[in-house]
Amino acid sequence: MERPKDGSVGVDGLSAEQQRNGLKPLWLVIAILATMVAIAFLLYVSILVYGVMQRM
């Protein structure tokens, strides 16, 4: 099978824009998970601080 002379991508190849659009849901999931982890960490720290303040 010969390659095209103009260097174009085959029909079944994804363009760079299509690949970026395909990764958007993944980045959205990662951002949501990171936000949830940050909120859980802040809640954990605030509970620890509250517990320490109650002992004083």
N, C-alpha and C. Protein backbone atom coordinates (compact mmCIF):
# COMPACT_ATOMS: atom_id res chain seq x y z
N MET A 1 0.84 -1.18 0.00
CA MET A 1 0.00 0.00 0.00
C MET A 1 0.88 1.24 0.00
N GLU A 2 0.65 2.15 -0.90
CA GLU A 2 1.49 3.33 -1.02
C GLU A 2 0.95 4.46 -0.15
N ARG A 3 1.87 5.25 0.33
CA ARG A 3 1.48 6.42 1.11
C ARG A 3 1.12 7.57 0.17
N PRO A 4 0.17 8.39 0.57
CA PRO A 4 -0.14 9.55 -0.27
C PRO A 4 1.03 10.52 -0.30
N LYS A 5 1.20 11.18 -1.42
CA LYS A 5 2.35 12.08 -1.57
C LYS A 5 2.20 13.37 -0.77
N ASP A 6 0.96 13.78 -0.51
CA ASP A 6 0.77 15.04 0.20
C ASP A 6 0.85 14.91 1.72
N GLY A 7 1.05 13.70 2.23
CA GLY A 7 1.22 13.50 3.67
C GLY A 7 -0.07 13.56 4.45
N SER A 8 -1.21 13.41 3.79
CA SER A 8 -2.48 13.48 4.50
C SER A 8 -2.71 12.20 5.29
N VAL A 9 -3.54 12.32 6.31
CA VAL A 9 -3.86 11.19 7.17
C VAL A 9 -4.98 10.39 6.52
N GLY A 10 -4.99 9.10 6.76
CA GLY A 10 -6.03 8.25 6.20
C GLY A 10 -7.39 8.57 6.79
N VAL A 11 -8.42 7.99 6.21
CA VAL A 11 -9.79 8.27 6.64
C VAL A 11 -10.02 7.82 8.08
N ASP A 12 -9.40 6.71 8.48
CA ASP A 12 -9.65 6.19 9.81
C ASP A 12 -8.80 6.88 10.89
N GLY A 13 -7.88 7.76 10.52
CA GLY A 13 -7.07 8.47 11.51
C GLY A 13 -7.83 9.62 12.13
N LEU A 14 -7.56 9.88 13.42
CA LEU A 14 -8.22 10.98 14.11
C LEU A 14 -7.34 12.23 14.01
N SER A 15 -7.97 13.35 13.78
CA SER A 15 -7.22 14.60 13.75
C SER A 15 -6.85 14.99 15.18
N ALA A 16 -5.95 15.95 15.30
CA ALA A 16 -5.53 16.40 16.63
C ALA A 16 -6.70 17.00 17.40
N GLU A 17 -7.58 17.70 16.71
CA GLU A 17 -8.74 18.29 17.37
C GLU A 17 -9.69 17.22 17.88
N GLN A 18 -9.90 16.17 17.10
CA GLN A 18 -10.76 15.08 17.54
C GLN A 18 -10.17 14.37 18.75
N GLN A 19 -8.86 14.22 18.78
CA GLN A 19 -8.21 13.57 19.92
C GLN A 19 -8.35 14.43 21.17
N ARG A 20 -8.19 15.76 21.03
CA ARG A 20 -8.36 16.66 22.17
C ARG A 20 -9.80 16.62 22.67
N ASN A 21 -10.76 16.62 21.77
CA ASN A 21 -12.16 16.58 22.18
C ASN A 21 -12.49 15.26 22.87
N GLY A 22 -11.83 14.19 22.48
CA GLY A 22 -12.06 12.91 23.12
C GLY A 22 -11.53 12.84 24.53
N LEU A 23 -10.54 13.67 24.86
CA LEU A 23 -9.95 13.67 26.20
C LEU A 23 -10.66 14.61 27.17
N LYS A 24 -11.55 15.45 26.67
CA LYS A 24 -12.23 16.40 27.55
C LYS A 24 -13.02 15.72 28.66
N PRO A 25 -13.79 14.67 28.38
CA PRO A 25 -14.50 14.01 29.49
C PRO A 25 -13.55 13.43 30.54
N LEU A 26 -12.42 12.92 30.10
CA LEU A 26 -11.44 12.37 31.04
C LEU A 26 -10.91 13.46 31.97
N TRP A 27 -10.58 14.61 31.41
CA TRP A 27 -10.09 15.71 32.24
C TRP A 27 -11.18 16.23 33.17
N LEU A 28 -12.42 16.19 32.73
CA LEU A 28 -13.53 16.61 33.59
C LEU A 28 -13.66 15.67 34.78
N VAL A 29 -13.55 14.38 34.55
CA VAL A 29 -13.63 13.40 35.64
C VAL A 29 -12.46 13.60 36.60
N ILE A 30 -11.26 13.82 36.06
CA ILE A 30 -10.08 14.03 36.92
C ILE A 30 -10.25 15.29 37.76
N ALA A 31 -10.78 16.36 37.15
CA ALA A 31 -10.98 17.61 37.89
C ALA A 31 -12.01 17.43 39.00
N ILE A 32 -13.09 16.70 38.72
CA ILE A 32 -14.11 16.47 39.75
C ILE A 32 -13.56 15.63 40.89
N LEU A 33 -12.81 14.58 40.56
CA LEU A 33 -12.21 13.74 41.61
C LEU A 33 -11.22 14.53 42.45
N ALA A 34 -10.40 15.36 41.81
CA ALA A 34 -9.42 16.16 42.56
C ALA A 34 -10.13 17.15 43.48
N THR A 35 -11.23 17.72 43.01
CA THR A 35 -12.00 18.64 43.85
C THR A 35 -12.59 17.92 45.05
N MET A 36 -13.13 16.72 44.82
CA MET A 36 -13.70 15.95 45.93
C MET A 36 -12.63 15.57 46.95
N VAL A 37 -11.46 15.20 46.49
CA VAL A 37 -10.37 14.85 47.40
C VAL A 37 -9.95 16.07 48.22
N ALA A 38 -9.87 17.23 47.57
CA ALA A 38 -9.49 18.45 48.29
C ALA A 38 -10.53 18.82 49.34
N ILE A 39 -11.80 18.70 49.01
CA ILE A 39 -12.86 19.02 49.98
C ILE A 39 -12.82 18.03 51.13
N ALA A 40 -12.62 16.74 50.84
CA ALA A 40 -12.55 15.73 51.90
C ALA A 40 -11.36 16.00 52.82
N PHE A 41 -10.23 16.40 52.25
CA PHE A 41 -9.05 16.69 53.05
C PHE A 41 -9.30 17.88 53.97
N LEU A 42 -9.91 18.93 53.42
CA LEU A 42 -10.20 20.12 54.24
C LEU A 42 -11.19 19.79 55.35
N LEU A 43 -12.17 18.95 55.06
CA LEU A 43 -13.12 18.54 56.08
C LEU A 43 -12.43 17.73 57.17
N TYR A 44 -11.52 16.84 56.77
CA TYR A 44 -10.76 16.02 57.72
C TYR A 44 -9.92 16.91 58.64
N VAL A 45 -9.24 17.87 58.06
CA VAL A 45 -8.40 18.77 58.86
C VAL A 45 -9.26 19.59 59.81
N SER A 46 -10.39 20.08 59.32
CA SER A 46 -11.25 20.89 60.19
C SER A 46 -11.81 20.06 61.35
N ILE A 47 -12.13 18.78 61.11
CA ILE A 47 -12.59 17.92 62.20
C ILE A 47 -11.48 17.68 63.20
N LEU A 48 -10.25 17.48 62.71
CA LEU A 48 -9.13 17.31 63.64
C LEU A 48 -8.92 18.56 64.48
N VAL A 49 -8.95 19.71 63.86
CA VAL A 49 -8.77 20.97 64.61
C VAL A 49 -9.88 21.15 65.63
N TYR A 50 -11.11 20.84 65.24
CA TYR A 50 -12.23 20.93 66.16
C TYR A 50 -12.04 20.00 67.36
N GLY A 51 -11.57 18.78 67.10
CA GLY A 51 -11.33 17.84 68.18
C GLY A 51 -10.24 18.30 69.13
N VAL A 52 -9.19 18.88 68.59
CA VAL A 52 -8.10 19.39 69.43
C VAL A 52 -8.59 20.57 70.25
N MET A 53 -9.40 21.43 69.66
CA MET A 53 -9.90 22.58 70.40
C MET A 53 -10.85 22.15 71.53
N GLN A 54 -11.58 21.06 71.35
CA GLN A 54 -12.49 20.58 72.40
C GLN A 54 -11.73 20.04 73.61
N ARG A 55 -10.52 19.53 73.38
CA ARG A 55 -9.73 18.97 74.49
C ARG A 55 -9.09 20.05 75.34
N MET A 56 -8.99 21.24 74.80
CA MET A 56 -8.31 22.30 75.56
C MET A 56 -9.21 22.88 76.63
